[in-house]
């Protein structure tokens, strides 16, 4: 079984039929482009990968990945970095103890001007 990998991208020869099994991190736009480039490809729930038929499928998939994915994953890398690179929230109103404690300051003026009604409707 020949295999090629690029980060989380994998192309392996299909052992059941002539073709390739292609997997890459999920991105709706990339999956749509893959489907457009390979209309005969179909998703395998069992393998959690695309099954691409044909004797040259491994080569075609490798060429597509080299052409399409580097530019597509540039934005994905930036999105991933953004989700982990942030400044911690420093506030006198938040306290991390065994539970999250949130203190909510209020303005006496606001409370006096907008009293909470105890009537039920």
PDB file of N, CA and C in Angstrom:
ATOM      1  N   UNK A   1       0.843  -1.173   0.000  1.00  0.00           N
ATOM      2  CA  UNK A   1       0.000   0.000   0.000  1.00  0.00           C
ATOM      3  C   UNK A   1       0.892   1.242   0.000  1.00  0.00           C
ATOM      4  N   UNK A   2       0.878   1.970  -1.070  1.00  0.00           N
ATOM      5  CA  UNK A   2       1.658   3.204  -1.157  1.00  0.00           C
ATOM      6  C   UNK A   2       0.907   4.317  -0.458  1.00  0.00           C
ATOM      7  N   UNK A   3       1.632   5.159   0.243  1.00  0.00           N
ATOM      8  CA  UNK A   3       0.965   6.252   0.956  1.00  0.00           C
ATOM      9  C   UNK A   3       1.781   7.523   0.832  1.00  0.00           C
ATOM     10  N   UNK A   4       1.073   8.636   0.765  1.00  0.00           N
ATOM     11  CA  UNK A   4       1.702   9.958   0.775  1.00  0.00           C
ATOM     12  C   UNK A   4       1.001  10.763   1.838  1.00  0.00           C
ATOM     13  N   UNK A   5       1.762  11.538   2.585  1.00  0.00           N
ATOM     14  CA  UNK A   5       1.143  12.360   3.613  1.00  0.00           C
ATOM     15  C   UNK A   5       1.671  13.778   3.535  1.00  0.00           C
ATOM     16  N   UNK A   6       0.832  14.721   3.906  1.00  0.00           N
ATOM     17  CA  UNK A   6       1.205  16.131   4.021  1.00  0.00           C
ATOM     18  C   UNK A   6       0.382  16.691   5.167  1.00  0.00           C
ATOM     19  N   UNK A   7       0.975  16.779   6.333  1.00  0.00           N
ATOM     20  CA  UNK A   7       0.260  17.160   7.554  1.00  0.00           C
ATOM     21  C   UNK A   7      -0.854  16.156   7.799  1.00  0.00           C
ATOM     22  N   UNK A   8      -2.102  16.575   7.736  1.00  0.00           N
ATOM     23  CA  UNK A   8      -3.224  15.673   7.972  1.00  0.00           C
ATOM     24  C   UNK A   8      -3.820  15.165   6.663  1.00  0.00           C
ATOM     25  N   UNK A   9      -3.098  15.287   5.588  1.00  0.00           N
ATOM     26  CA  UNK A   9      -3.569  14.885   4.268  1.00  0.00           C
ATOM     27  C   UNK A   9      -2.966  13.526   3.958  1.00  0.00           C
ATOM     28  N   UNK A  10      -3.819  12.622   3.470  1.00  0.00           N
ATOM     29  CA  UNK A  10      -3.317  11.289   3.182  1.00  0.00           C
ATOM     30  C   UNK A  10      -3.953  10.755   1.902  1.00  0.00           C
ATOM     31  N   UNK A  11      -3.145  10.136   1.079  1.00  0.00           N
ATOM     32  CA  UNK A  11      -3.613   9.462  -0.127  1.00  0.00           C
ATOM     33  C   UNK A  11      -3.049   8.051  -0.079  1.00  0.00           C
ATOM     34  N   UNK A  12      -3.931   7.068  -0.101  1.00  0.00           N
ATOM     35  CA  UNK A  12      -3.476   5.678  -0.121  1.00  0.00           C
ATOM     36  C   UNK A  12      -4.175   4.942  -1.252  1.00  0.00           C
ATOM     37  N   UNK A  13      -3.523   3.897  -1.754  1.00  0.00           N
ATOM     38  CA  UNK A  13      -4.125   3.083  -2.798  1.00  0.00           C
ATOM     39  C   UNK A  13      -5.307   2.327  -2.211  1.00  0.00           C
ATOM     40  N   UNK A  14      -6.397   2.275  -2.955  1.00  0.00           N
ATOM     41  CA  UNK A  14      -7.586   1.537  -2.541  1.00  0.00           C
ATOM     42  C   UNK A  14      -7.323   0.053  -2.771  1.00  0.00           C
ATOM     43  N   UNK A  15      -7.443  -0.745  -1.729  1.00  0.00           N
ATOM     44  CA  UNK A  15      -7.163  -2.175  -1.845  1.00  0.00           C
ATOM     45  C   UNK A  15      -8.339  -2.955  -2.434  1.00  0.00           C
ATOM     46  N   UNK A  16      -9.551  -2.390  -2.377  1.00  0.00           N
ATOM     47  CA  UNK A  16     -10.726  -3.096  -2.872  1.00  0.00           C
ATOM     48  C   UNK A  16     -10.915  -2.929  -4.372  1.00  0.00           C
ATOM     49  N   UNK A  17     -10.749  -1.729  -4.884  1.00  0.00           N
ATOM     50  CA  UNK A  17     -10.961  -1.414  -6.288  1.00  0.00           C
ATOM     51  C   UNK A  17      -9.804  -0.549  -6.779  1.00  0.00           C
ATOM     52  N   UNK A  18      -9.603  -0.499  -8.111  1.00  0.00           N
ATOM     53  CA  UNK A  18      -8.589   0.442  -8.607  1.00  0.00           C
ATOM     54  C   UNK A  18      -8.990   1.861  -8.220  1.00  0.00           C
ATOM     55  N   UNK A  19      -8.112   2.546  -7.554  1.00  0.00           N
ATOM     56  CA  UNK A  19      -8.407   3.914  -7.141  1.00  0.00           C
ATOM     57  C   UNK A  19      -7.596   4.314  -5.932  1.00  0.00           C
ATOM     58  N   UNK A  20      -8.035   5.391  -5.313  1.00  0.00           N
ATOM     59  CA  UNK A  20      -7.319   5.940  -4.167  1.00  0.00           C
ATOM     60  C   UNK A  20      -8.313   6.321  -3.082  1.00  0.00           C
ATOM     61  N   UNK A  21      -7.814   6.342  -1.872  1.00  0.00           N
ATOM     62  CA  UNK A  21      -8.584   6.832  -0.728  1.00  0.00           C
ATOM     63  C   UNK A  21      -7.888   8.106  -0.282  1.00  0.00           C
ATOM     64  N   UNK A  22      -8.646   9.198  -0.264  1.00  0.00           N
ATOM     65  CA  UNK A  22      -8.082  10.523  -0.005  1.00  0.00           C
ATOM     66  C   UNK A  22      -8.737  11.104   1.241  1.00  0.00           C
ATOM     67  N   UNK A  23      -7.912  11.535   2.166  1.00  0.00           N
ATOM     68  CA  UNK A  23      -8.463  12.195   3.357  1.00  0.00           C
ATOM     69  C   UNK A  23      -7.688  13.483   3.618  1.00  0.00           C
ATOM     70  N   UNK A  24      -8.427  14.474   4.089  1.00  0.00           N
ATOM     71  CA  UNK A  24      -7.833  15.761   4.452  1.00  0.00           C
ATOM     72  C   UNK A  24      -8.739  16.404   5.483  1.00  0.00           C
ATOM     73  N   UNK A  25      -8.230  17.365   6.253  1.00  0.00           N
ATOM     74  CA  UNK A  25      -9.061  18.014   7.272  1.00  0.00           C
ATOM     75  C   UNK A  25     -10.308  18.626   6.645  1.00  0.00           C
ATOM     76  N   UNK A  26     -11.429  18.517   7.342  1.00  0.00           N
ATOM     77  CA  UNK A  26     -12.688  18.990   6.776  1.00  0.00           C
ATOM     78  C   UNK A  26     -12.704  20.503   6.659  1.00  0.00           C
ATOM     79  N   UNK A  27     -13.109  20.939   5.503  1.00  0.00           N
ATOM     80  CA  UNK A  27     -13.401  22.330   5.213  1.00  0.00           C
ATOM     81  C   UNK A  27     -14.438  22.282   4.101  1.00  0.00           C
ATOM     82  N   UNK A  28     -15.584  22.899   4.309  1.00  0.00           N
ATOM     83  CA  UNK A  28     -16.687  22.791   3.345  1.00  0.00           C
ATOM     84  C   UNK A  28     -16.282  23.259   1.948  1.00  0.00           C
ATOM     85  N   UNK A  29     -15.535  24.338   1.863  1.00  0.00           N
ATOM     86  CA  UNK A  29     -15.133  24.858   0.557  1.00  0.00           C
ATOM     87  C   UNK A  29     -14.178  23.898  -0.146  1.00  0.00           C
ATOM     88  N   UNK A  30     -13.251  23.308   0.597  1.00  0.00           N
ATOM     89  CA  UNK A  30     -12.309  22.364   0.002  1.00  0.00           C
ATOM     90  C   UNK A  30     -13.035  21.105  -0.442  1.00  0.00           C
ATOM     91  N   UNK A  31     -13.959  20.619   0.388  1.00  0.00           N
ATOM     92  CA  UNK A  31     -14.727  19.427   0.019  1.00  0.00           C
ATOM     93  C   UNK A  31     -15.548  19.685  -1.249  1.00  0.00           C
ATOM     94  N   UNK A  32     -16.113  20.867  -1.366  1.00  0.00           N
ATOM     95  CA  UNK A  32     -16.890  21.205  -2.567  1.00  0.00           C
ATOM     96  C   UNK A  32     -15.984  21.251  -3.795  1.00  0.00           C
ATOM     97  N   UNK A  33     -14.797  21.849  -3.653  1.00  0.00           N
ATOM     98  CA  UNK A  33     -13.857  21.898  -4.789  1.00  0.00           C
ATOM     99  C   UNK A  33     -13.372  20.504  -5.167  1.00  0.00           C
ATOM    100  N   UNK A  34     -13.179  19.664  -4.160  1.00  0.00           N
ATOM    101  CA  UNK A  34     -12.761  18.287  -4.443  1.00  0.00           C
ATOM    102  C   UNK A  34     -13.858  17.568  -5.229  1.00  0.00           C
ATOM    103  N   UNK A  35     -15.108  17.741  -4.808  1.00  0.00           N
ATOM    104  CA  UNK A  35     -16.231  17.133  -5.515  1.00  0.00           C
ATOM    105  C   UNK A  35     -16.360  17.634  -6.945  1.00  0.00           C
ATOM    106  N   UNK A  36     -16.074  18.908  -7.169  1.00  0.00           N
ATOM    107  CA  UNK A  36     -16.129  19.463  -8.526  1.00  0.00           C
ATOM    108  C   UNK A  36     -15.002  18.909  -9.390  1.00  0.00           C
ATOM    109  N   UNK A  37     -13.813  18.773  -8.797  1.00  0.00           N
ATOM    110  CA  UNK A  37     -12.663  18.272  -9.552  1.00  0.00           C
ATOM    111  C   UNK A  37     -12.782  16.780  -9.844  1.00  0.00           C
ATOM    112  N   UNK A  38     -13.440  16.048  -8.933  1.00  0.00           N
ATOM    113  CA  UNK A  38     -13.569  14.597  -9.082  1.00  0.00           C
ATOM    114  C   UNK A  38     -15.037  14.193  -8.924  1.00  0.00           C
ATOM    115  N   UNK A  39     -15.846  14.374  -9.972  1.00  0.00           N
ATOM    116  CA  UNK A  39     -17.277  14.102  -9.860  1.00  0.00           C
ATOM    117  C   UNK A  39     -17.611  12.639  -9.573  1.00  0.00           C
ATOM    118  N   UNK A  40     -16.711  11.715  -9.885  1.00  0.00           N
ATOM    119  CA  UNK A  40     -16.982  10.303  -9.614  1.00  0.00           C
ATOM    120  C   UNK A  40     -16.560   9.889  -8.203  1.00  0.00           C
ATOM    121  N   UNK A  41     -15.915  10.768  -7.481  1.00  0.00           N
ATOM    122  CA  UNK A  41     -15.497  10.453  -6.112  1.00  0.00           C
ATOM    123  C   UNK A  41     -16.729  10.396  -5.214  1.00  0.00           C
ATOM    124  N   UNK A  42     -16.665   9.537  -4.213  1.00  0.00           N
ATOM    125  CA  UNK A  42     -17.767   9.492  -3.254  1.00  0.00           C
ATOM    126  C   UNK A  42     -17.204   9.330  -1.844  1.00  0.00           C
ATOM    127  N   UNK A  43     -17.958   9.824  -0.881  1.00  0.00           N
ATOM    128  CA  UNK A  43     -17.548   9.819   0.519  1.00  0.00           C
ATOM    129  C   UNK A  43     -17.825   8.446   1.111  1.00  0.00           C
ATOM    130  N   UNK A  44     -16.867   7.923   1.840  1.00  0.00           N
ATOM    131  CA  UNK A  44     -17.029   6.649   2.538  1.00  0.00           C
ATOM    132  C   UNK A  44     -17.137   6.926   4.034  1.00  0.00           C
ATOM    133  N   UNK A  45     -18.305   6.666   4.597  1.00  0.00           N
ATOM    134  CA  UNK A  45     -18.469   6.859   6.041  1.00  0.00           C
ATOM    135  C   UNK A  45     -17.611   5.874   6.824  1.00  0.00           C
ATOM    136  N   UNK A  46     -17.455   4.680   6.283  1.00  0.00           N
ATOM    137  CA  UNK A  46     -16.657   3.655   6.960  1.00  0.00           C
ATOM    138  C   UNK A  46     -15.200   4.086   7.095  1.00  0.00           C
ATOM    139  N   UNK A  47     -14.662   4.686   6.042  1.00  0.00           N
ATOM    140  CA  UNK A  47     -13.262   5.111   6.048  1.00  0.00           C
ATOM    141  C   UNK A  47     -13.069   6.553   6.506  1.00  0.00           C
ATOM    142  N   UNK A  48     -14.162   7.316   6.551  1.00  0.00           N
ATOM    143  CA  UNK A  48     -14.103   8.758   6.823  1.00  0.00           C
ATOM    144  C   UNK A  48     -13.131   9.430   5.856  1.00  0.00           C
ATOM    145  N   UNK A  49     -13.300   9.073   4.580  1.00  0.00           N
ATOM    146  CA  UNK A  49     -12.418   9.601   3.539  1.00  0.00           C
ATOM    147  C   UNK A  49     -13.146   9.518   2.201  1.00  0.00           C
ATOM    148  N   UNK A  50     -12.560  10.179   1.216  1.00  0.00           N
ATOM    149  CA  UNK A  50     -13.088  10.138  -0.139  1.00  0.00           C
ATOM    150  C   UNK A  50     -12.529   8.920  -0.849  1.00  0.00           C
ATOM    151  N   UNK A  51     -13.373   8.232  -1.578  1.00  0.00           N
ATOM    152  CA  UNK A  51     -12.941   7.109  -2.410  1.00  0.00           C
ATOM    153  C   UNK A  51     -12.967   7.599  -3.851  1.00  0.00           C
ATOM    154  N   UNK A  52     -11.807   7.578  -4.494  1.00  0.00           N
ATOM    155  CA  UNK A  52     -11.646   8.108  -5.842  1.00  0.00           C
ATOM    156  C   UNK A  52     -11.320   6.946  -6.778  1.00  0.00           C
ATOM    157  N   UNK A  53     -12.223   6.614  -7.733  1.00  0.00           N
ATOM    158  CA  UNK A  53     -11.980   5.476  -8.618  1.00  0.00           C
ATOM    159  C   UNK A  53     -11.012   5.812  -9.751  1.00  0.00           C
ATOM    160  N   UNK A  54     -10.387   4.770 -10.305  1.00  0.00           N
ATOM    161  CA  UNK A  54      -9.529   4.934 -11.474  1.00  0.00           C
ATOM    162  C   UNK A  54      -8.112   4.475 -11.216  1.00  0.00           C
ATOM    163  N   UNK A  55      -7.469   3.995 -12.256  1.00  0.00           N
ATOM    164  CA  UNK A  55      -6.108   3.476 -12.108  1.00  0.00           C
ATOM    165  C   UNK A  55      -5.090   4.589 -11.853  1.00  0.00           C
ATOM    166  N   UNK A  56      -5.388   5.806 -12.254  1.00  0.00           N
ATOM    167  CA  UNK A  56      -4.463   6.922 -12.024  1.00  0.00           C
ATOM    168  C   UNK A  56      -4.954   7.839 -10.894  1.00  0.00           C
ATOM    169  N   UNK A  57      -5.865   7.327 -10.080  1.00  0.00           N
ATOM    170  CA  UNK A  57      -6.486   8.155  -9.034  1.00  0.00           C
ATOM    171  C   UNK A  57      -5.463   8.707  -8.041  1.00  0.00           C
ATOM    172  N   UNK A  58      -4.498   7.893  -7.634  1.00  0.00           N
ATOM    173  CA  UNK A  58      -3.506   8.354  -6.660  1.00  0.00           C
ATOM    174  C   UNK A  58      -2.717   9.536  -7.212  1.00  0.00           C
ATOM    175  N   UNK A  59      -2.295   9.426  -8.451  1.00  0.00           N
ATOM    176  CA  UNK A  59      -1.537  10.507  -9.090  1.00  0.00           C
ATOM    177  C   UNK A  59      -2.394  11.757  -9.270  1.00  0.00           C
ATOM    178  N   UNK A  60      -3.649  11.580  -9.728  1.00  0.00           N
ATOM    179  CA  UNK A  60      -4.534  12.732  -9.926  1.00  0.00           C
ATOM    180  C   UNK A  60      -4.827  13.435  -8.615  1.00  0.00           C
ATOM    181  N   UNK A  61      -5.057  12.660  -7.557  1.00  0.00           N
ATOM    182  CA  UNK A  61      -5.335  13.256  -6.245  1.00  0.00           C
ATOM    183  C   UNK A  61      -4.110  14.006  -5.718  1.00  0.00           C
ATOM    184  N   UNK A  62      -2.930  13.429  -5.899  1.00  0.00           N
ATOM    185  CA  UNK A  62      -1.704  14.091  -5.429  1.00  0.00           C
ATOM    186  C   UNK A  62      -1.494  15.409  -6.157  1.00  0.00           C
ATOM    187  N   UNK A  63      -1.732  15.422  -7.454  1.00  0.00           N
ATOM    188  CA  UNK A  63      -1.584  16.668  -8.213  1.00  0.00           C
ATOM    189  C   UNK A  63      -2.594  17.709  -7.757  1.00  0.00           C
ATOM    190  N   UNK A  64      -3.832  17.278  -7.516  1.00  0.00           N
ATOM    191  CA  UNK A  64      -4.881  18.209  -7.072  1.00  0.00           C
ATOM    192  C   UNK A  64      -4.508  18.801  -5.709  1.00  0.00           C
ATOM    193  N   UNK A  65      -4.039  17.944  -4.820  1.00  0.00           N
ATOM    194  CA  UNK A  65      -3.677  18.423  -3.479  1.00  0.00           C
ATOM    195  C   UNK A  65      -2.521  19.417  -3.560  1.00  0.00           C
ATOM    196  N   UNK A  66      -1.515  19.107  -4.367  1.00  0.00           N
ATOM    197  CA  UNK A  66      -0.385  20.035  -4.509  1.00  0.00           C
ATOM    198  C   UNK A  66      -0.821  21.378  -5.073  1.00  0.00           C
ATOM    199  N   UNK A  67      -1.817  21.350  -5.963  1.00  0.00           N
ATOM    200  CA  UNK A  67      -2.280  22.584  -6.608  1.00  0.00           C
ATOM    201  C   UNK A  67      -3.269  23.346  -5.723  1.00  0.00           C
ATOM    202  N   UNK A  68      -4.177  22.658  -5.079  1.00  0.00           N
ATOM    203  CA  UNK A  68      -5.293  23.305  -4.374  1.00  0.00           C
ATOM    204  C   UNK A  68      -5.061  23.573  -2.892  1.00  0.00           C
ATOM    205  N   UNK A  69      -4.532  22.615  -2.178  1.00  0.00           N
ATOM    206  CA  UNK A  69      -4.560  22.713  -0.723  1.00  0.00           C
ATOM    207  C   UNK A  69      -3.593  23.693  -0.091  1.00  0.00           C
ATOM    208  N   UNK A  70      -2.397  23.882  -0.595  1.00  0.00           N
ATOM    209  CA  UNK A  70      -1.534  24.844   0.101  1.00  0.00           C
ATOM    210  C   UNK A  70      -2.186  26.211   0.267  1.00  0.00           C
ATOM    211  N   UNK A  71      -2.837  26.719  -0.767  1.00  0.00           N
ATOM    212  CA  UNK A  71      -3.477  28.028  -0.644  1.00  0.00           C
ATOM    213  C   UNK A  71      -4.714  27.960   0.237  1.00  0.00           C
ATOM    214  N   UNK A  72      -5.421  26.843   0.205  1.00  0.00           N
ATOM    215  CA  UNK A  72      -6.636  26.718   1.010  1.00  0.00           C
ATOM    216  C   UNK A  72      -6.320  26.635   2.496  1.00  0.00           C
ATOM    217  N   UNK A  73      -5.228  25.951   2.854  1.00  0.00           N
ATOM    218  CA  UNK A  73      -4.927  25.776   4.266  1.00  0.00           C
ATOM    219  C   UNK A  73      -4.185  26.951   4.877  1.00  0.00           C
ATOM    220  N   UNK A  74      -3.746  27.900   4.059  1.00  0.00           N
ATOM    221  CA  UNK A  74      -3.127  29.098   4.622  1.00  0.00           C
ATOM    222  C   UNK A  74      -4.136  29.811   5.518  1.00  0.00           C
ATOM    223  N   UNK A  75      -5.358  29.994   5.011  1.00  0.00           N
ATOM    224  CA  UNK A  75      -6.392  30.646   5.816  1.00  0.00           C
ATOM    225  C   UNK A  75      -6.798  29.789   7.001  1.00  0.00           C
ATOM    226  N   UNK A  76      -6.839  28.482   6.826  1.00  0.00           N
ATOM    227  CA  UNK A  76      -7.205  27.600   7.932  1.00  0.00           C
ATOM    228  C   UNK A  76      -6.173  27.695   9.049  1.00  0.00           C
ATOM    229  N   UNK A  77      -4.894  27.767   8.686  1.00  0.00           N
ATOM    230  CA  UNK A  77      -3.858  27.914   9.703  1.00  0.00           C
ATOM    231  C   UNK A  77      -4.033  29.211  10.465  1.00  0.00           C
ATOM    232  N   UNK A  78      -4.343  30.286   9.743  1.00  0.00           N
ATOM    233  CA  UNK A  78      -4.538  31.571  10.411  1.00  0.00           C
ATOM    234  C   UNK A  78      -5.748  31.521  11.336  1.00  0.00           C
ATOM    235  N   UNK A  79      -6.836  30.880  10.888  1.00  0.00           N
ATOM    236  CA  UNK A  79      -8.019  30.755  11.750  1.00  0.00           C
ATOM    237  C   UNK A  79      -7.677  29.962  12.996  1.00  0.00           C
ATOM    238  N   UNK A  80      -6.917  28.890  12.827  1.00  0.00           N
ATOM    239  CA  UNK A  80      -6.532  28.072  13.976  1.00  0.00           C
ATOM    240  C   UNK A  80      -5.659  28.831  14.947  1.00  0.00           C
ATOM    241  N   UNK A  81      -4.719  29.588  14.413  1.00  0.00           N
ATOM    242  CA  UNK A  81      -3.859  30.385  15.278  1.00  0.00           C
ATOM    243  C   UNK A  81      -4.672  31.423  16.033  1.00  0.00           C
ATOM    244  N   UNK A  82      -5.626  32.037  15.350  1.00  0.00           N
ATOM    245  CA  UNK A  82      -6.446  33.058  15.999  1.00  0.00           C
ATOM    246  C   UNK A  82      -7.213  32.486  17.177  1.00  0.00           C
ATOM    247  N   UNK A  83      -7.642  31.244  17.062  1.00  0.00           N
ATOM    248  CA  UNK A  83      -8.449  30.679  18.141  1.00  0.00           C
ATOM    249  C   UNK A  83      -7.611  30.370  19.376  1.00  0.00           C
ATOM    250  N   UNK A  84      -6.287  30.275  19.217  1.00  0.00           N
ATOM    251  CA  UNK A  84      -5.451  29.975  20.363  1.00  0.00           C
ATOM    252  C   UNK A  84      -4.598  31.153  20.817  1.00  0.00           C
ATOM    253  N   UNK A  85      -4.466  32.161  19.998  1.00  0.00           N
ATOM    254  CA  UNK A  85      -3.639  33.290  20.387  1.00  0.00           C
ATOM    255  C   UNK A  85      -4.530  34.452  20.805  1.00  0.00           C
ATOM    256  N   UNK A  86      -4.713  34.579  22.080  1.00  0.00           N
ATOM    257  CA  UNK A  86      -5.515  35.670  22.604  1.00  0.00           C
ATOM    258  C   UNK A  86      -4.951  36.059  23.959  1.00  0.00           C
ATOM    259  N   UNK A  87      -5.230  37.255  24.337  1.00  0.00           N
ATOM    260  CA  UNK A  87      -4.805  37.724  25.643  1.00  0.00           C
ATOM    261  C   UNK A  87      -5.840  37.258  26.662  1.00  0.00           C
ATOM    262  N   UNK A  88      -5.395  36.808  27.807  1.00  0.00           N
ATOM    263  CA  UNK A  88      -6.371  36.399  28.823  1.00  0.00           C
ATOM    264  C   UNK A  88      -7.198  37.599  29.272  1.00  0.00           C
ATOM    265  N   UNK A  89      -8.414  37.321  29.643  1.00  0.00           N
ATOM    266  CA  UNK A  89      -9.308  38.384  30.112  1.00  0.00           C
ATOM    267  C   UNK A  89      -8.941  38.708  31.560  1.00  0.00           C
ATOM    268  N   UNK A  90      -8.551  39.941  31.760  1.00  0.00           N
ATOM    269  CA  UNK A  90      -8.210  40.398  33.104  1.00  0.00           C
ATOM    270  C   UNK A  90      -9.285  41.388  33.509  1.00  0.00           C
ATOM    271  N   UNK A  91     -10.011  41.042  34.563  1.00  0.00           N
ATOM    272  CA  UNK A  91     -11.092  41.904  35.010  1.00  0.00           C
ATOM    273  C   UNK A  91     -11.288  41.727  36.504  1.00  0.00           C
ATOM    274  N   UNK A  92     -11.582  42.818  37.168  1.00  0.00           N
ATOM    275  CA  UNK A  92     -11.855  42.727  38.603  1.00  0.00           C
ATOM    276  C   UNK A  92     -13.222  42.093  38.855  1.00  0.00           C
ATOM    277  N   UNK A  93     -14.000  41.915  37.800  1.00  0.00           N
ATOM    278  CA  UNK A  93     -15.331  41.334  37.943  1.00  0.00           C
ATOM    279  C   UNK A  93     -15.344  39.825  37.735  1.00  0.00           C
ATOM    280  N   UNK A  94     -14.227  39.251  37.299  1.00  0.00           N
ATOM    281  CA  UNK A  94     -14.135  37.811  37.082  1.00  0.00           C
ATOM    282  C   UNK A  94     -13.148  37.206  38.048  1.00  0.00           C
ATOM    283  N   UNK A  95     -13.499  36.046  38.566  1.00  0.00           N
ATOM    284  CA  UNK A  95     -12.603  35.351  39.476  1.00  0.00           C
ATOM    285  C   UNK A  95     -12.661  33.864  39.138  1.00  0.00           C
ATOM    286  N   UNK A  96     -11.507  33.287  38.886  1.00  0.00           N
ATOM    287  CA  UNK A  96     -11.457  31.857  38.597  1.00  0.00           C
ATOM    288  C   UNK A  96     -11.103  31.144  39.886  1.00  0.00           C
ATOM    289  N   UNK A  97     -12.057  30.474  40.440  1.00  0.00           N
ATOM    290  CA  UNK A  97     -11.852  29.680  41.646  1.00  0.00           C
ATOM    291  C   UNK A  97     -12.219  28.247  41.276  1.00  0.00           C
ATOM    292  N   UNK A  98     -12.764  27.474  42.205  1.00  0.00           N
ATOM    293  CA  UNK A  98     -13.221  26.137  41.840  1.00  0.00           C
ATOM    294  C   UNK A  98     -14.392  26.253  40.860  1.00  0.00           C
ATOM    295  N   UNK A  99     -15.053  27.411  40.891  1.00  0.00           N
ATOM    296  CA  UNK A  99     -16.098  27.740  39.924  1.00  0.00           C
ATOM    297  C   UNK A  99     -15.789  29.127  39.373  1.00  0.00           C
ATOM    298  N   UNK A 100     -16.415  29.468  38.278  1.00  0.00           N
ATOM    299  CA  UNK A 100     -16.240  30.806  37.716  1.00  0.00           C
ATOM    300  C   UNK A 100     -17.161  31.740  38.500  1.00  0.00           C
ATOM    301  N   UNK A 101     -16.601  32.797  39.065  1.00  0.00           N
ATOM    302  CA  UNK A 101     -17.371  33.772  39.819  1.00  0.00           C
ATOM    303  C   UNK A 101     -17.396  35.063  39.018  1.00  0.00           C
ATOM    304  N   UNK A 102     -18.590  35.552  38.757  1.00  0.00           N
ATOM    305  CA  UNK A 102     -18.747  36.800  38.017  1.00  0.00           C
ATOM    306  C   UNK A 102     -19.464  37.785  38.929  1.00  0.00           C
ATOM    307  N   UNK A 103     -18.807  38.897  39.199  1.00  0.00           N
ATOM    308  CA  UNK A 103     -19.431  39.953  39.996  1.00  0.00           C
ATOM    309  C   UNK A 103     -19.947  40.994  39.014  1.00  0.00           C
ATOM    310  N   UNK A 104     -21.178  41.395  39.189  1.00  0.00           N
ATOM    311  CA  UNK A 104     -21.762  42.366  38.267  1.00  0.00           C
ATOM    312  C   UNK A 104     -22.015  43.672  39.010  1.00  0.00           C
ATOM    313  N   UNK A 105     -21.245  44.667  38.707  1.00  0.00           N
ATOM    314  CA  UNK A 105     -21.472  45.970  39.344  1.00  0.00           C
ATOM    315  C   UNK A 105     -22.727  46.610  38.752  1.00  0.00           C
ATOM    316  N   UNK A 106     -23.353  47.427  39.528  1.00  0.00           N
ATOM    317  CA  UNK A 106     -24.516  48.131  39.017  1.00  0.00           C
ATOM    318  C   UNK A 106     -24.466  49.570  39.492  1.00  0.00           C
ATOM    319  N   UNK A 107     -25.166  50.370  38.774  1.00  0.00           N
ATOM    320  CA  UNK A 107     -25.228  51.777  39.117  1.00  0.00           C
ATOM    321  C   UNK A 107     -26.477  52.008  39.959  1.00  0.00           C
ATOM    322  N   UNK A 108     -26.313  52.615  41.108  1.00  0.00           N
ATOM    323  CA  UNK A 108     -27.452  52.906  41.986  1.00  0.00           C
ATOM    324  C   UNK A 108     -28.444  53.797  41.239  1.00  0.00           C
ATOM    325  N   UNK A 109     -27.964  54.706  40.406  1.00  0.00           N
ATOM    326  CA  UNK A 109     -28.843  55.586  39.640  1.00  0.00           C
ATOM    327  C   UNK A 109     -29.719  54.778  38.699  1.00  0.00           C
ATOM    328  N   UNK A 110     -29.154  53.837  38.023  1.00  0.00           N
ATOM    329  CA  UNK A 110     -29.930  53.001  37.091  1.00  0.00           C
ATOM    330  C   UNK A 110     -30.968  52.204  37.859  1.00  0.00           C
ATOM    331  N   UNK A 111     -30.583  51.636  38.990  1.00  0.00           N
ATOM    332  CA  UNK A 111     -31.526  50.840  39.779  1.00  0.00           C
ATOM    333  C   UNK A 111     -32.669  51.713  40.280  1.00  0.00           C
ATOM    334  N   UNK A 112     -32.355  52.927  40.736  1.00  0.00           N
ATOM    335  CA  UNK A 112     -33.400  53.809  41.248  1.00  0.00           C
ATOM    336  C   UNK A 112     -34.320  54.307  40.132  1.00  0.00           C
ATOM    337  N   UNK A 113     -33.783  54.576  38.941  1.00  0.00           N
ATOM    338  CA  UNK A 113     -34.597  55.108  37.850  1.00  0.00           C
ATOM    339  C   UNK A 113     -35.425  54.038  37.152  1.00  0.00           C
ATOM    340  N   UNK A 114     -34.971  52.827  37.145  1.00  0.00           N
ATOM    341  CA  UNK A 114     -35.689  51.744  36.459  1.00  0.00           C
ATOM    342  C   UNK A 114     -35.963  50.619  37.442  1.00  0.00           C
ATOM    343  N   UNK A 115     -36.932  50.830  38.324  1.00  0.00           N
ATOM    344  CA  UNK A 115     -37.209  49.765  39.318  1.00  0.00           C
ATOM    345  C   UNK A 115     -37.779  48.519  38.630  1.00  0.00           C
ATOM    346  N   UNK A 116     -37.437  47.405  39.189  1.00  0.00           N
ATOM    347  CA  UNK A 116     -37.921  46.136  38.660  1.00  0.00           C
ATOM    348  C   UNK A 116     -39.324  45.916  39.173  1.00  0.00           C
ATOM    349  N   UNK A 117     -40.219  45.676  38.273  1.00  0.00           N
ATOM    350  CA  UNK A 117     -41.602  45.443  38.636  1.00  0.00           C
ATOM    351  C   UNK A 117     -41.769  44.033  39.185  1.00  0.00           C
ATOM    352  N   UNK A 118     -42.514  43.908  40.258  1.00  0.00           N
ATOM    353  CA  UNK A 118     -42.758  42.597  40.840  1.00  0.00           C
ATOM    354  C   UNK A 118     -44.122  42.058  40.414  1.00  0.00           C
ATOM    355  N   UNK A 119     -44.800  42.787  39.552  1.00  0.00           N
ATOM    356  CA  UNK A 119     -46.103  42.323  39.063  1.00  0.00           C
ATOM    357  C   UNK A 119     -45.898  41.156  38.104  1.00  0.00           C
ATOM    358  N   UNK A 120     -46.795  40.227  38.152  1.00  0.00           N
ATOM    359  CA  UNK A 120     -46.780  39.141  37.176  1.00  0.00           C
ATOM    360  C   UNK A 120     -47.856  39.404  36.150  1.00  0.00           C
ATOM    361  N   UNK A 121     -47.556  39.064  34.966  1.00  0.00           N
ATOM    362  CA  UNK A 121     -48.506  39.342  33.873  1.00  0.00           C
ATOM    363  C   UNK A 121     -49.350  38.133  33.613  1.00  0.00           C
TER     364      UNK A 121
END
